[in-house]
Amino acid sequence: YAAQLISNMRMHVCVGMVCLGGMMYHPCTSACGRTCQSISSGEVCDGDCAEGCSCTEGTFYDHLSLNSKCIISQSCNF
């Protein structure tokens, strides 16, 4: 019962989470992250997930740009 209560409380608290740079909140997003760096390094993700913000499908986070935002993979600077 306590785990369900914490889960419900967390859901209500995180509804107000603000995601920047074109990211969206997901209760279970890839723990690896979708970044331009992960594309170039060939990072292999084990499938674990974590609560937080991530780029939408088809976009990757570019932390090297001045605006740090989600962009299409073709715009990543490798």
N, C-alpha and C. Protein backbone atom coordinates (compact mmCIF):
# COMPACT_ATOMS: atom_id res chain seq x y z
N TYR A 1 0.83 -1.20 0.00
CA TYR A 1 0.00 0.00 0.00
C TYR A 1 0.86 1.25 0.00
N ALA A 2 1.94 1.27 0.77
CA ALA A 2 2.81 2.45 0.86
C ALA A 2 3.45 2.76 -0.49
N ALA A 3 3.85 1.71 -1.22
CA ALA A 3 4.47 1.93 -2.53
C ALA A 3 3.48 2.57 -3.50
N GLN A 4 2.22 2.13 -3.44
CA GLN A 4 1.19 2.70 -4.31
C GLN A 4 0.94 4.16 -3.95
N LEU A 5 0.92 4.47 -2.67
CA LEU A 5 0.71 5.84 -2.21
C LEU A 5 1.84 6.74 -2.70
N ILE A 6 3.08 6.27 -2.57
CA ILE A 6 4.23 7.05 -3.03
C ILE A 6 4.16 7.24 -4.54
N SER A 7 3.79 6.18 -5.25
CA SER A 7 3.66 6.28 -6.70
C SER A 7 2.61 7.31 -7.09
N ASN A 8 1.46 7.28 -6.44
CA ASN A 8 0.40 8.25 -6.74
C ASN A 8 0.84 9.66 -6.39
N MET A 9 1.50 9.83 -5.26
CA MET A 9 1.96 11.15 -4.84
C MET A 9 3.00 11.67 -5.84
N ARG A 10 3.91 10.82 -6.26
CA ARG A 10 4.94 11.22 -7.20
C ARG A 10 4.30 11.65 -8.52
N MET A 11 3.27 10.95 -8.96
CA MET A 11 2.61 11.30 -10.20
C MET A 11 2.03 12.71 -10.11
N HIS A 12 1.42 13.04 -8.99
CA HIS A 12 0.83 14.37 -8.82
C HIS A 12 1.90 15.45 -8.74
N VAL A 13 3.00 15.18 -8.09
CA VAL A 13 4.07 16.15 -7.95
C VAL A 13 4.74 16.42 -9.29
N CYS A 14 4.98 15.38 -10.08
CA CYS A 14 5.73 15.52 -11.32
C CYS A 14 4.92 16.08 -12.48
N VAL A 15 3.62 16.16 -12.33
CA VAL A 15 2.81 16.73 -13.40
C VAL A 15 3.26 18.16 -13.66
N GLY A 16 3.73 18.86 -12.64
CA GLY A 16 4.18 20.23 -12.79
C GLY A 16 5.63 20.36 -13.20
N MET A 17 6.33 19.26 -13.49
CA MET A 17 7.74 19.32 -13.87
C MET A 17 7.89 20.09 -15.17
N VAL A 18 8.86 20.98 -15.21
CA VAL A 18 9.11 21.78 -16.41
C VAL A 18 10.33 21.20 -17.13
N CYS A 19 10.14 20.86 -18.39
CA CYS A 19 11.22 20.34 -19.22
C CYS A 19 11.60 21.41 -20.23
N LEU A 20 12.87 21.65 -20.39
CA LEU A 20 13.37 22.71 -21.27
C LEU A 20 13.95 22.14 -22.55
N GLY A 21 14.21 22.99 -23.51
CA GLY A 21 14.92 22.61 -24.73
C GLY A 21 14.18 21.65 -25.63
N GLY A 22 12.85 21.70 -25.61
CA GLY A 22 12.07 20.80 -26.47
C GLY A 22 11.86 19.42 -25.88
N MET A 23 12.25 19.23 -24.62
CA MET A 23 12.07 17.94 -23.98
C MET A 23 10.65 17.81 -23.42
N MET A 24 10.24 16.56 -23.18
CA MET A 24 8.93 16.29 -22.58
C MET A 24 9.13 15.36 -21.40
N TYR A 25 8.25 15.51 -20.38
CA TYR A 25 8.30 14.65 -19.19
C TYR A 25 7.79 13.26 -19.53
N HIS A 26 8.49 12.24 -19.01
CA HIS A 26 8.07 10.85 -19.15
C HIS A 26 8.30 10.16 -17.80
N PRO A 27 7.33 9.38 -17.32
CA PRO A 27 7.52 8.67 -16.06
C PRO A 27 8.58 7.57 -16.17
N CYS A 28 8.81 7.09 -17.41
CA CYS A 28 9.81 6.04 -17.62
C CYS A 28 10.49 6.28 -18.96
N THR A 29 11.56 7.05 -18.95
CA THR A 29 12.31 7.34 -20.17
C THR A 29 13.67 6.65 -20.09
N SER A 30 14.31 6.46 -21.19
CA SER A 30 15.60 5.76 -21.23
C SER A 30 16.59 6.40 -20.26
N ALA A 31 17.21 5.59 -19.44
CA ALA A 31 18.21 6.08 -18.50
C ALA A 31 19.48 6.51 -19.23
N CYS A 32 19.66 6.06 -20.47
CA CYS A 32 20.83 6.43 -21.25
C CYS A 32 20.72 7.84 -21.82
N GLY A 33 19.53 8.24 -22.14
CA GLY A 33 19.33 9.55 -22.74
C GLY A 33 19.52 9.51 -24.25
N ARG A 34 18.85 10.39 -24.93
CA ARG A 34 18.94 10.49 -26.39
C ARG A 34 19.74 11.76 -26.68
N THR A 35 21.05 11.61 -26.83
CA THR A 35 21.92 12.76 -27.05
C THR A 35 22.71 12.60 -28.34
N CYS A 36 23.18 13.72 -28.87
CA CYS A 36 24.05 13.65 -30.05
C CYS A 36 25.31 12.86 -29.71
N GLN A 37 25.80 13.00 -28.50
CA GLN A 37 27.00 12.29 -28.07
C GLN A 37 26.78 10.78 -28.08
N SER A 38 25.58 10.33 -27.67
CA SER A 38 25.31 8.88 -27.65
C SER A 38 25.29 8.30 -29.06
N ILE A 39 24.89 9.10 -30.05
CA ILE A 39 24.90 8.64 -31.44
C ILE A 39 26.34 8.42 -31.90
N SER A 40 27.19 9.41 -31.66
CA SER A 40 28.57 9.34 -32.16
C SER A 40 29.42 8.32 -31.42
N SER A 41 29.10 8.04 -30.15
CA SER A 41 29.91 7.10 -29.38
C SER A 41 29.46 5.66 -29.57
N GLY A 42 28.28 5.47 -30.18
CA GLY A 42 27.77 4.11 -30.35
C GLY A 42 27.34 3.50 -29.03
N GLU A 43 26.93 4.33 -28.10
CA GLU A 43 26.51 3.90 -26.77
C GLU A 43 25.41 2.85 -26.87
N VAL A 44 25.56 1.77 -26.11
CA VAL A 44 24.56 0.72 -26.06
C VAL A 44 23.79 0.87 -24.76
N CYS A 45 22.48 0.94 -24.87
CA CYS A 45 21.64 1.14 -23.69
C CYS A 45 21.08 -0.20 -23.24
N ASP A 46 21.03 -0.40 -21.92
CA ASP A 46 20.55 -1.67 -21.38
C ASP A 46 19.03 -1.72 -21.22
N GLY A 47 18.33 -0.65 -21.54
CA GLY A 47 16.87 -0.66 -21.48
C GLY A 47 16.28 -0.18 -20.18
N ASP A 48 17.11 0.12 -19.18
CA ASP A 48 16.57 0.64 -17.92
C ASP A 48 15.93 1.99 -18.17
N CYS A 49 14.94 2.32 -17.33
CA CYS A 49 14.30 3.62 -17.49
C CYS A 49 14.36 4.40 -16.18
N ALA A 50 14.15 5.69 -16.32
CA ALA A 50 14.15 6.59 -15.17
C ALA A 50 13.13 7.69 -15.43
N GLU A 51 12.59 8.23 -14.37
CA GLU A 51 11.64 9.33 -14.47
C GLU A 51 12.39 10.60 -14.85
N GLY A 52 11.86 11.38 -15.77
CA GLY A 52 12.50 12.64 -16.11
C GLY A 52 12.12 13.18 -17.47
N CYS A 53 12.93 14.09 -17.96
CA CYS A 53 12.69 14.75 -19.25
C CYS A 53 13.56 14.11 -20.32
N SER A 54 13.01 13.98 -21.51
CA SER A 54 13.79 13.47 -22.63
C SER A 54 13.28 14.07 -23.93
N CYS A 55 14.10 13.99 -24.95
CA CYS A 55 13.72 14.49 -26.27
C CYS A 55 12.63 13.60 -26.86
N THR A 56 11.81 14.19 -27.71
CA THR A 56 10.75 13.43 -28.35
C THR A 56 11.35 12.49 -29.40
N GLU A 57 10.57 11.53 -29.84
CA GLU A 57 11.01 10.54 -30.83
C GLU A 57 11.58 11.24 -32.06
N GLY A 58 12.74 10.80 -32.51
CA GLY A 58 13.36 11.36 -33.70
C GLY A 58 14.26 12.56 -33.45
N THR A 59 14.35 13.01 -32.18
CA THR A 59 15.24 14.12 -31.86
C THR A 59 16.22 13.71 -30.78
N PHE A 60 17.34 14.43 -30.72
CA PHE A 60 18.41 14.12 -29.78
C PHE A 60 18.88 15.40 -29.10
N TYR A 61 19.26 15.31 -27.83
CA TYR A 61 19.68 16.48 -27.07
C TYR A 61 21.10 16.88 -27.45
N ASP A 62 21.27 18.12 -27.82
CA ASP A 62 22.58 18.66 -28.19
C ASP A 62 23.06 19.58 -27.08
N HIS A 63 23.83 19.05 -26.15
CA HIS A 63 24.30 19.86 -25.02
C HIS A 63 25.49 20.75 -25.40
N LEU A 64 26.04 20.55 -26.60
CA LEU A 64 27.18 21.35 -27.03
C LEU A 64 26.78 22.67 -27.68
N SER A 65 25.53 22.79 -28.10
CA SER A 65 25.09 24.03 -28.74
C SER A 65 24.86 25.10 -27.67
N LEU A 66 24.83 26.34 -28.09
CA LEU A 66 24.62 27.44 -27.15
C LEU A 66 23.26 27.37 -26.48
N ASN A 67 22.26 26.87 -27.20
CA ASN A 67 20.90 26.82 -26.66
C ASN A 67 20.56 25.51 -25.98
N SER A 68 21.41 24.50 -26.07
CA SER A 68 21.17 23.17 -25.48
C SER A 68 19.72 22.76 -25.66
N LYS A 69 19.42 22.12 -26.77
CA LYS A 69 18.05 21.75 -27.07
C LYS A 69 17.99 20.46 -27.86
N CYS A 70 16.79 19.94 -28.06
CA CYS A 70 16.57 18.74 -28.86
C CYS A 70 16.57 19.11 -30.33
N ILE A 71 17.33 18.35 -31.11
CA ILE A 71 17.45 18.61 -32.55
C ILE A 71 17.38 17.28 -33.30
N ILE A 72 17.15 17.34 -34.61
CA ILE A 72 17.17 16.11 -35.41
C ILE A 72 18.61 15.63 -35.55
N SER A 73 18.79 14.34 -35.73
CA SER A 73 20.14 13.77 -35.74
C SER A 73 21.03 14.37 -36.82
N GLN A 74 20.46 14.76 -37.95
CA GLN A 74 21.25 15.33 -39.04
C GLN A 74 21.87 16.67 -38.64
N SER A 75 21.34 17.32 -37.61
CA SER A 75 21.88 18.61 -37.16
C SER A 75 22.93 18.46 -36.07
N CYS A 76 23.15 17.23 -35.59
CA CYS A 76 24.16 17.01 -34.56
C CYS A 76 25.55 17.27 -35.12
N ASN A 77 26.38 17.93 -34.35
CA ASN A 77 27.78 18.17 -34.73
C ASN A 77 28.64 17.08 -34.13
N PHE A 78 29.15 16.20 -34.96
CA PHE A 78 29.95 15.09 -34.45
C PHE A 78 31.38 15.46 -34.41
